[in-house]
Amino acid sequence: MKKKKRRTGATETFSVSVDPETKRALRALADSAFGGNLSALVTDFAEEARRRMAAGRYLRRHGVADVTVKEADAIAAQIDREVSAARKPRTKRRAA
């Protein structure tokens, strides 16, 4: 059977070494969230890395000091609370 040829420049293959526990976790996440596509999982991680780098550049450009992990967690928790509060359905008031 003839092997399907990849389109040039479409993807690149690289090797990553991880411990067995990490491999199992990555495989499980790929299976549950990406239909078993480990490449899609890595692409998703890379997109998150690009967002983090862009946020870091923005903060540095605007002179915002680096935050600690604890501060970042507190900010994330506050955002989660605000998003959750914004999503709560509002009850209708009865007409008098």
N, C-alpha and C. Protein backbone atom coordinates (compact mmCIF):
# COMPACT_ATOMS: atom_id res chain seq x y z
N MET A 1 0.84 -1.17 0.00
CA MET A 1 0.00 0.00 0.00
C MET A 1 0.89 1.24 0.00
N LYS A 2 0.53 2.23 -0.78
CA LYS A 2 1.31 3.45 -0.90
C LYS A 2 1.04 4.38 0.28
N LYS A 3 2.12 4.90 0.88
CA LYS A 3 2.00 5.80 2.03
C LYS A 3 1.56 7.18 1.56
N LYS A 4 0.60 7.77 2.27
CA LYS A 4 0.10 9.10 1.92
C LYS A 4 1.19 10.14 2.20
N LYS A 5 1.46 10.98 1.22
CA LYS A 5 2.50 11.99 1.34
C LYS A 5 1.93 13.25 1.99
N ARG A 6 2.65 13.79 2.95
CA ARG A 6 2.23 15.02 3.62
C ARG A 6 2.48 16.23 2.74
N ARG A 7 1.64 17.20 2.91
CA ARG A 7 1.84 18.47 2.21
C ARG A 7 3.05 19.16 2.84
N THR A 8 3.97 19.66 2.04
CA THR A 8 5.17 20.32 2.54
C THR A 8 4.81 21.54 3.37
N GLY A 9 5.39 21.64 4.55
CA GLY A 9 5.18 22.80 5.40
C GLY A 9 3.92 22.75 6.23
N ALA A 10 3.10 21.73 6.05
CA ALA A 10 1.84 21.66 6.80
C ALA A 10 2.11 21.39 8.27
N THR A 11 3.00 20.49 8.57
CA THR A 11 3.32 20.16 9.96
C THR A 11 4.80 19.84 10.07
N GLU A 12 5.26 19.82 11.29
CA GLU A 12 6.62 19.38 11.57
C GLU A 12 6.56 18.35 12.67
N THR A 13 7.43 17.40 12.61
CA THR A 13 7.50 16.36 13.62
C THR A 13 8.71 16.62 14.51
N PHE A 14 8.52 16.48 15.83
CA PHE A 14 9.64 16.61 16.75
C PHE A 14 9.45 15.63 17.88
N SER A 15 10.51 15.40 18.61
CA SER A 15 10.49 14.41 19.67
C SER A 15 10.51 15.10 21.03
N VAL A 16 9.73 14.57 21.95
CA VAL A 16 9.69 15.08 23.32
C VAL A 16 9.83 13.89 24.25
N SER A 17 10.69 14.02 25.25
CA SER A 17 10.85 12.95 26.24
C SER A 17 10.16 13.35 27.53
N VAL A 18 9.29 12.47 28.01
CA VAL A 18 8.57 12.70 29.27
C VAL A 18 8.58 11.41 30.07
N ASP A 19 8.31 11.54 31.36
CA ASP A 19 8.23 10.35 32.20
C ASP A 19 6.92 9.61 31.89
N PRO A 20 6.84 8.33 32.23
CA PRO A 20 5.65 7.53 31.90
C PRO A 20 4.34 8.11 32.46
N GLU A 21 4.38 8.67 33.66
CA GLU A 21 3.17 9.23 34.26
C GLU A 21 2.67 10.42 33.43
N THR A 22 3.60 11.27 32.98
CA THR A 22 3.23 12.42 32.16
C THR A 22 2.67 11.94 30.82
N LYS A 23 3.27 10.92 30.25
CA LYS A 23 2.78 10.39 28.97
C LYS A 23 1.36 9.88 29.12
N ARG A 24 1.08 9.15 30.21
CA ARG A 24 -0.27 8.65 30.44
C ARG A 24 -1.27 9.80 30.58
N ALA A 25 -0.87 10.85 31.32
CA ALA A 25 -1.76 11.99 31.51
C ALA A 25 -2.03 12.70 30.19
N LEU A 26 -0.99 12.90 29.39
CA LEU A 26 -1.17 13.56 28.09
C LEU A 26 -2.04 12.73 27.17
N ARG A 27 -1.80 11.43 27.14
CA ARG A 27 -2.60 10.54 26.29
C ARG A 27 -4.06 10.56 26.74
N ALA A 28 -4.31 10.51 28.05
CA ALA A 28 -5.68 10.53 28.56
C ALA A 28 -6.39 11.84 28.19
N LEU A 29 -5.68 12.96 28.32
CA LEU A 29 -6.28 14.24 27.96
C LEU A 29 -6.54 14.31 26.47
N ALA A 30 -5.60 13.83 25.66
CA ALA A 30 -5.80 13.82 24.21
C ALA A 30 -6.99 12.94 23.85
N ASP A 31 -7.12 11.81 24.51
CA ASP A 31 -8.23 10.91 24.24
C ASP A 31 -9.58 11.54 24.59
N SER A 32 -9.63 12.22 25.73
CA SER A 32 -10.91 12.76 26.19
C SER A 32 -11.29 14.08 25.53
N ALA A 33 -10.30 14.91 25.20
CA ALA A 33 -10.63 16.25 24.71
C ALA A 33 -10.35 16.46 23.22
N PHE A 34 -9.55 15.60 22.62
CA PHE A 34 -9.15 15.83 21.22
C PHE A 34 -9.30 14.59 20.36
N GLY A 35 -10.19 13.70 20.76
CA GLY A 35 -10.42 12.50 19.97
C GLY A 35 -9.19 11.64 19.80
N GLY A 36 -8.29 11.67 20.78
CA GLY A 36 -7.08 10.87 20.73
C GLY A 36 -5.94 11.52 19.96
N ASN A 37 -6.15 12.73 19.47
CA ASN A 37 -5.15 13.40 18.65
C ASN A 37 -4.15 14.14 19.55
N LEU A 38 -3.01 13.51 19.80
CA LEU A 38 -1.98 14.09 20.66
C LEU A 38 -1.40 15.36 20.03
N SER A 39 -1.32 15.41 18.71
CA SER A 39 -0.83 16.61 18.03
C SER A 39 -1.75 17.80 18.27
N ALA A 40 -3.05 17.56 18.29
CA ALA A 40 -4.01 18.64 18.57
C ALA A 40 -3.84 19.15 19.99
N LEU A 41 -3.56 18.25 20.93
CA LEU A 41 -3.31 18.65 22.31
C LEU A 41 -2.08 19.53 22.40
N VAL A 42 -1.00 19.14 21.73
CA VAL A 42 0.23 19.94 21.75
C VAL A 42 -0.03 21.30 21.10
N THR A 43 -0.79 21.33 20.02
CA THR A 43 -1.13 22.59 19.36
C THR A 43 -1.92 23.48 20.30
N ASP A 44 -2.83 22.90 21.07
CA ASP A 44 -3.60 23.66 22.05
C ASP A 44 -2.69 24.24 23.14
N PHE A 45 -1.73 23.43 23.61
CA PHE A 45 -0.75 23.92 24.59
C PHE A 45 0.06 25.07 24.01
N ALA A 46 0.44 24.95 22.74
CA ALA A 46 1.24 26.00 22.10
C ALA A 46 0.44 27.29 21.97
N GLU A 47 -0.85 27.19 21.69
CA GLU A 47 -1.69 28.39 21.60
C GLU A 47 -1.75 29.09 22.97
N GLU A 48 -1.86 28.30 24.02
CA GLU A 48 -1.85 28.87 25.38
C GLU A 48 -0.51 29.54 25.66
N ALA A 49 0.58 28.92 25.22
CA ALA A 49 1.91 29.52 25.41
C ALA A 49 2.02 30.85 24.66
N ARG A 50 1.46 30.90 23.44
CA ARG A 50 1.50 32.16 22.68
C ARG A 50 0.69 33.25 23.39
N ARG A 51 -0.46 32.88 23.97
CA ARG A 51 -1.27 33.86 24.72
C ARG A 51 -0.50 34.38 25.93
N ARG A 52 0.17 33.46 26.64
CA ARG A 52 0.95 33.87 27.82
C ARG A 52 2.10 34.81 27.44
N MET A 53 2.77 34.48 26.34
CA MET A 53 3.88 35.34 25.90
C MET A 53 3.37 36.72 25.49
N ALA A 54 2.24 36.76 24.81
CA ALA A 54 1.65 38.04 24.40
C ALA A 54 1.24 38.85 25.63
N ALA A 55 0.66 38.19 26.63
CA ALA A 55 0.27 38.89 27.85
C ALA A 55 1.50 39.43 28.56
N GLY A 56 2.57 38.66 28.60
CA GLY A 56 3.81 39.12 29.22
C GLY A 56 4.38 40.33 28.51
N ARG A 57 4.37 40.30 27.17
CA ARG A 57 4.86 41.46 26.41
C ARG A 57 4.01 42.70 26.70
N TYR A 58 2.70 42.52 26.75
CA TYR A 58 1.79 43.63 27.04
C TYR A 58 2.08 44.23 28.42
N LEU A 59 2.22 43.37 29.41
CA LEU A 59 2.46 43.84 30.76
C LEU A 59 3.80 44.56 30.86
N ARG A 60 4.84 44.01 30.24
CA ARG A 60 6.15 44.67 30.26
C ARG A 60 6.10 46.02 29.54
N ARG A 61 5.41 46.06 28.41
CA ARG A 61 5.32 47.30 27.64
C ARG A 61 4.63 48.40 28.45
N HIS A 62 3.68 47.99 29.29
CA HIS A 62 2.93 48.97 30.08
C HIS A 62 3.47 49.13 31.49
N GLY A 63 4.65 48.57 31.75
CA GLY A 63 5.31 48.76 33.02
C GLY A 63 4.65 48.08 34.20
N VAL A 64 3.87 47.04 33.94
CA VAL A 64 3.22 46.32 35.04
C VAL A 64 4.22 45.31 35.59
N ALA A 65 4.40 45.35 36.90
CA ALA A 65 5.37 44.46 37.55
C ALA A 65 4.91 43.01 37.44
N ASP A 66 5.86 42.08 37.42
CA ASP A 66 5.54 40.66 37.41
C ASP A 66 4.78 40.31 38.68
N VAL A 67 3.83 39.41 38.55
CA VAL A 67 3.07 38.97 39.72
C VAL A 67 3.59 37.61 40.16
N THR A 68 3.40 37.32 41.43
CA THR A 68 3.78 36.02 41.96
C THR A 68 2.70 35.01 41.57
N VAL A 69 3.02 33.74 41.74
CA VAL A 69 2.04 32.69 41.45
C VAL A 69 0.81 32.88 42.33
N LYS A 70 1.03 33.22 43.59
CA LYS A 70 -0.08 33.43 44.52
C LYS A 70 -0.96 34.58 44.05
N GLU A 71 -0.35 35.68 43.61
CA GLU A 71 -1.11 36.82 43.11
C GLU A 71 -1.87 36.46 41.84
N ALA A 72 -1.23 35.71 40.96
CA ALA A 72 -1.88 35.30 39.71
C ALA A 72 -3.07 34.40 40.01
N ASP A 73 -2.92 33.49 40.98
CA ASP A 73 -4.02 32.62 41.36
C ASP A 73 -5.18 33.43 41.93
N ALA A 74 -4.87 34.45 42.74
CA ALA A 74 -5.91 35.30 43.32
C ALA A 74 -6.65 36.06 42.22
N ILE A 75 -5.91 36.56 41.23
CA ILE A 75 -6.53 37.27 40.11
C ILE A 75 -7.43 36.33 39.32
N ALA A 76 -6.94 35.14 39.04
CA ALA A 76 -7.73 34.16 38.29
C ALA A 76 -9.00 33.78 39.05
N ALA A 77 -8.89 33.62 40.37
CA ALA A 77 -10.06 33.29 41.18
C ALA A 77 -11.08 34.43 41.15
N GLN A 78 -10.60 35.67 41.21
CA GLN A 78 -11.49 36.82 41.14
C GLN A 78 -12.21 36.88 39.80
N ILE A 79 -11.48 36.64 38.73
CA ILE A 79 -12.10 36.63 37.39
C ILE A 79 -13.15 35.53 37.31
N ASP A 80 -12.83 34.34 37.83
CA ASP A 80 -13.79 33.23 37.82
C ASP A 80 -15.06 33.60 38.58
N ARG A 81 -14.90 34.26 39.74
CA ARG A 81 -16.08 34.68 40.51
C ARG A 81 -16.92 35.68 39.73
N GLU A 82 -16.25 36.63 39.09
CA GLU A 82 -16.98 37.65 38.33
C GLU A 82 -17.69 37.04 37.12
N VAL A 83 -17.04 36.11 36.44
CA VAL A 83 -17.67 35.46 35.30
C VAL A 83 -18.86 34.64 35.77
N SER A 84 -18.69 33.92 36.86
CA SER A 84 -19.77 33.11 37.41
C SER A 84 -20.96 33.99 37.81
N ALA A 85 -20.69 35.11 38.45
CA ALA A 85 -21.76 36.02 38.87
C ALA A 85 -22.47 36.60 37.66
N ALA A 86 -21.75 36.88 36.60
CA ALA A 86 -22.35 37.48 35.41
C ALA A 86 -23.24 36.48 34.68
N ARG A 87 -22.99 35.21 34.84
CA ARG A 87 -23.76 34.18 34.14
C ARG A 87 -25.02 33.77 34.88
N LYS A 88 -25.15 34.14 36.14
CA LYS A 88 -26.32 33.73 36.89
C LYS A 88 -27.56 34.35 36.26
N PRO A 89 -28.60 33.53 36.05
CA PRO A 89 -29.82 34.09 35.46
C PRO A 89 -30.48 35.06 36.43
N ARG A 90 -30.91 36.13 35.89
CA ARG A 90 -31.60 37.13 36.72
C ARG A 90 -33.07 36.76 36.82
N THR A 91 -33.60 36.96 38.01
CA THR A 91 -35.01 36.66 38.18
C THR A 91 -35.83 37.87 37.77
N LYS A 92 -36.97 37.59 37.19
CA LYS A 92 -37.85 38.68 36.75
C LYS A 92 -38.66 39.15 37.94
N ARG A 93 -38.83 40.43 38.00
CA ARG A 93 -39.68 40.98 39.07
C ARG A 93 -41.14 40.92 38.62
N ARG A 94 -41.97 40.67 39.59
CA ARG A 94 -43.41 40.64 39.27
C ARG A 94 -43.93 42.06 39.20
N ALA A 95 -44.81 42.26 38.28
CA ALA A 95 -45.42 43.58 38.14
C ALA A 95 -46.34 43.82 39.34
N ALA A 96 -46.34 45.06 39.82
CA ALA A 96 -47.15 45.38 41.00
C ALA A 96 -48.60 45.54 40.66
